[in-house]
Amino acid sequence: MGMTVGERQALVDSQFGICPLCLRPDPEHVDHDHRTGRVRGALRFNCNAALGHSRDDPALMRRAIGYVEGNSWKPKLVAPGVYLLPS
């Protein structure tokens, strides 16, 4: 079941006409949770694509944030062949 043009516009208006991720105007793409189908908001194309490419995985997104902020991702060797992954 899709949204009507009016429902989509109401969603965009409820966000004051901006994308909640990049804070730029004119979000055009309705974003939804792929597991539940619940609509989360309206995003700009690149922001919607970024969530899709990350498969809505919060752990992956946190690692990406750390990476972009310059925090190296380095697992710690705790035993031969056993690594402790950073959280």
C-alpha atoms as a PDB file:
ATOM      1  CA  MET A   1       0.000   0.000   0.000  1.00  0.00           C
ATOM      2  CA  GLY A   2       1.503   3.328  -1.051  1.00  0.00           C
ATOM      3  CA  MET A   3       1.092   6.855   0.172  1.00  0.00           C
ATOM      4  CA  THR A   4      -0.984   9.484  -1.519  1.00  0.00           C
ATOM      5  CA  VAL A   5       0.669  12.688  -2.677  1.00  0.00           C
ATOM      6  CA  GLY A   6      -1.116  14.490   0.158  1.00  0.00           C
ATOM      7  CA  GLU A   7       0.137  12.018   2.778  1.00  0.00           C
ATOM      8  CA  ARG A   8       3.699  12.351   1.519  1.00  0.00           C
ATOM      9  CA  GLN A   9       3.448  16.133   1.573  1.00  0.00           C
ATOM     10  CA  ALA A  10       2.068  16.026   5.130  1.00  0.00           C
ATOM     11  CA  LEU A  11       5.082  13.895   6.121  1.00  0.00           C
ATOM     12  CA  VAL A  12       7.505  16.384   4.538  1.00  0.00           C
ATOM     13  CA  ASP A  13       5.655  19.290   6.178  1.00  0.00           C
ATOM     14  CA  SER A  14       5.894  17.568   9.580  1.00  0.00           C
ATOM     15  CA  GLN A  15       9.695  17.640   9.090  1.00  0.00           C
ATOM     16  CA  PHE A  16       9.561  21.377   8.241  1.00  0.00           C
ATOM     17  CA  GLY A  17      10.536  20.512   4.664  1.00  0.00           C
ATOM     18  CA  ILE A  18      14.012  19.229   5.518  1.00  0.00           C
ATOM     19  CA  CYS A  19      15.741  15.863   5.490  1.00  0.00           C
ATOM     20  CA  PRO A  20      16.322  14.720   9.091  1.00  0.00           C
ATOM     21  CA  LEU A  21      19.744  13.291   8.181  1.00  0.00           C
ATOM     22  CA  CYS A  22      21.497  15.929   6.052  1.00  0.00           C
ATOM     23  CA  LEU A  23      19.253  18.856   7.096  1.00  0.00           C
ATOM     24  CA  ARG A  24      18.894  20.007   3.491  1.00  0.00           C
ATOM     25  CA  PRO A  25      15.545  21.005   2.000  1.00  0.00           C
ATOM     26  CA  ASP A  26      13.179  19.045  -0.216  1.00  0.00           C
ATOM     27  CA  PRO A  27      13.297  15.428   0.954  1.00  0.00           C
ATOM     28  CA  GLU A  28      11.623  13.401  -1.790  1.00  0.00           C
ATOM     29  CA  HIS A  29      11.996   9.735  -0.848  1.00  0.00           C
ATOM     30  CA  VAL A  30       9.742   8.070   1.705  1.00  0.00           C
ATOM     31  CA  ASP A  31      11.921   5.936   3.957  1.00  0.00           C
ATOM     32  CA  HIS A  32      10.597   2.831   5.670  1.00  0.00           C
ATOM     33  CA  ASP A  33      11.816  -0.016   7.854  1.00  0.00           C
ATOM     34  CA  HIS A  34      12.239  -3.013   5.540  1.00  0.00           C
ATOM     35  CA  ARG A  35      11.422  -5.486   8.316  1.00  0.00           C
ATOM     36  CA  THR A  36       8.203  -3.875   9.566  1.00  0.00           C
ATOM     37  CA  GLY A  37       7.193  -1.673   6.636  1.00  0.00           C
ATOM     38  CA  ARG A  38       6.736   1.260   9.059  1.00  0.00           C
ATOM     39  CA  VAL A  39       7.335   4.658   7.451  1.00  0.00           C
ATOM     40  CA  ARG A  40      10.089   6.551   9.282  1.00  0.00           C
ATOM     41  CA  GLY A  41      10.188   9.789   7.333  1.00  0.00           C
ATOM     42  CA  ALA A  42      11.079  11.494   4.082  1.00  0.00           C
ATOM     43  CA  LEU A  43      14.752  11.661   3.086  1.00  0.00           C
ATOM     44  CA  ARG A  44      16.812  13.048   0.258  1.00  0.00           C
ATOM     45  CA  PHE A  45      18.024  10.476  -2.277  1.00  0.00           C
ATOM     46  CA  ASN A  46      21.595  10.086  -0.983  1.00  0.00           C
ATOM     47  CA  CYS A  47      20.482   9.786   2.637  1.00  0.00           C
ATOM     48  CA  ASN A  48      17.897   7.152   1.750  1.00  0.00           C
ATOM     49  CA  ALA A  49      20.480   5.258  -0.314  1.00  0.00           C
ATOM     50  CA  ALA A  50      23.010   5.374   2.548  1.00  0.00           C
ATOM     51  CA  LEU A  51      20.514   3.733   4.898  1.00  0.00           C
ATOM     52  CA  GLY A  52      19.640   1.145   2.281  1.00  0.00           C
ATOM     53  CA  HIS A  53      23.265   0.296   1.583  1.00  0.00           C
ATOM     54  CA  SER A  54      23.887  -0.106   5.318  1.00  0.00           C
ATOM     55  CA  ARG A  55      20.920  -2.501   5.476  1.00  0.00           C
ATOM     56  CA  ASP A  56      19.547  -0.459   8.415  1.00  0.00           C
ATOM     57  CA  ASP A  57      22.248  -2.042  10.595  1.00  0.00           C
ATOM     58  CA  PRO A  58      23.009   0.283  13.552  1.00  0.00           C
ATOM     59  CA  ALA A  59      26.289  -1.519  14.350  1.00  0.00           C
ATOM     60  CA  LEU A  60      27.504  -1.019  10.778  1.00  0.00           C
ATOM     61  CA  MET A  61      26.502   2.661  10.930  1.00  0.00           C
ATOM     62  CA  ARG A  62      28.345   3.137  14.259  1.00  0.00           C
ATOM     63  CA  ARG A  63      31.487   1.593  12.742  1.00  0.00           C
ATOM     64  CA  ALA A  64      31.113   3.884   9.717  1.00  0.00           C
ATOM     65  CA  ILE A  65      30.854   6.913  12.023  1.00  0.00           C
ATOM     66  CA  GLY A  66      33.993   5.852  13.874  1.00  0.00           C
ATOM     67  CA  TYR A  67      35.789   5.325  10.593  1.00  0.00           C
ATOM     68  CA  VAL A  68      34.809   8.751   9.245  1.00  0.00           C
ATOM     69  CA  GLU A  69      35.846  10.361  12.549  1.00  0.00           C
ATOM     70  CA  GLY A  70      39.284   8.763  12.190  1.00  0.00           C
ATOM     71  CA  ASN A  71      38.916   6.007  14.760  1.00  0.00           C
ATOM     72  CA  SER A  72      40.688   2.988  13.357  1.00  0.00           C
ATOM     73  CA  TRP A  73      38.891  -0.316  13.421  1.00  0.00           C
ATOM     74  CA  LYS A  74      41.409  -2.723  14.836  1.00  0.00           C
ATOM     75  CA  PRO A  75      40.404  -6.091  16.299  1.00  0.00           C
ATOM     76  CA  LYS A  76      42.505  -7.226  19.258  1.00  0.00           C
ATOM     77  CA  LEU A  77      44.145 -10.659  19.132  1.00  0.00           C
ATOM     78  CA  VAL A  78      43.263 -12.418  22.418  1.00  0.00           C
ATOM     79  CA  ALA A  79      44.342 -15.961  21.507  1.00  0.00           C
ATOM     80  CA  PRO A  80      45.630 -17.669  18.345  1.00  0.00           C
ATOM     81  CA  GLY A  81      42.887 -17.150  15.760  1.00  0.00           C
ATOM     82  CA  VAL A  82      40.567 -15.423  18.288  1.00  0.00           C
ATOM     83  CA  TYR A  83      39.906 -11.706  17.965  1.00  0.00           C
ATOM     84  CA  LEU A  84      38.001  -9.285  20.174  1.00  0.00           C
ATOM     85  CA  LEU A  85      36.101  -6.925  17.910  1.00  0.00           C
ATOM     86  CA  PRO A  86      35.605  -3.315  18.971  1.00  0.00           C
ATOM     87  CA  SER A  87      32.075  -2.478  20.010  1.00  0.00           C
END
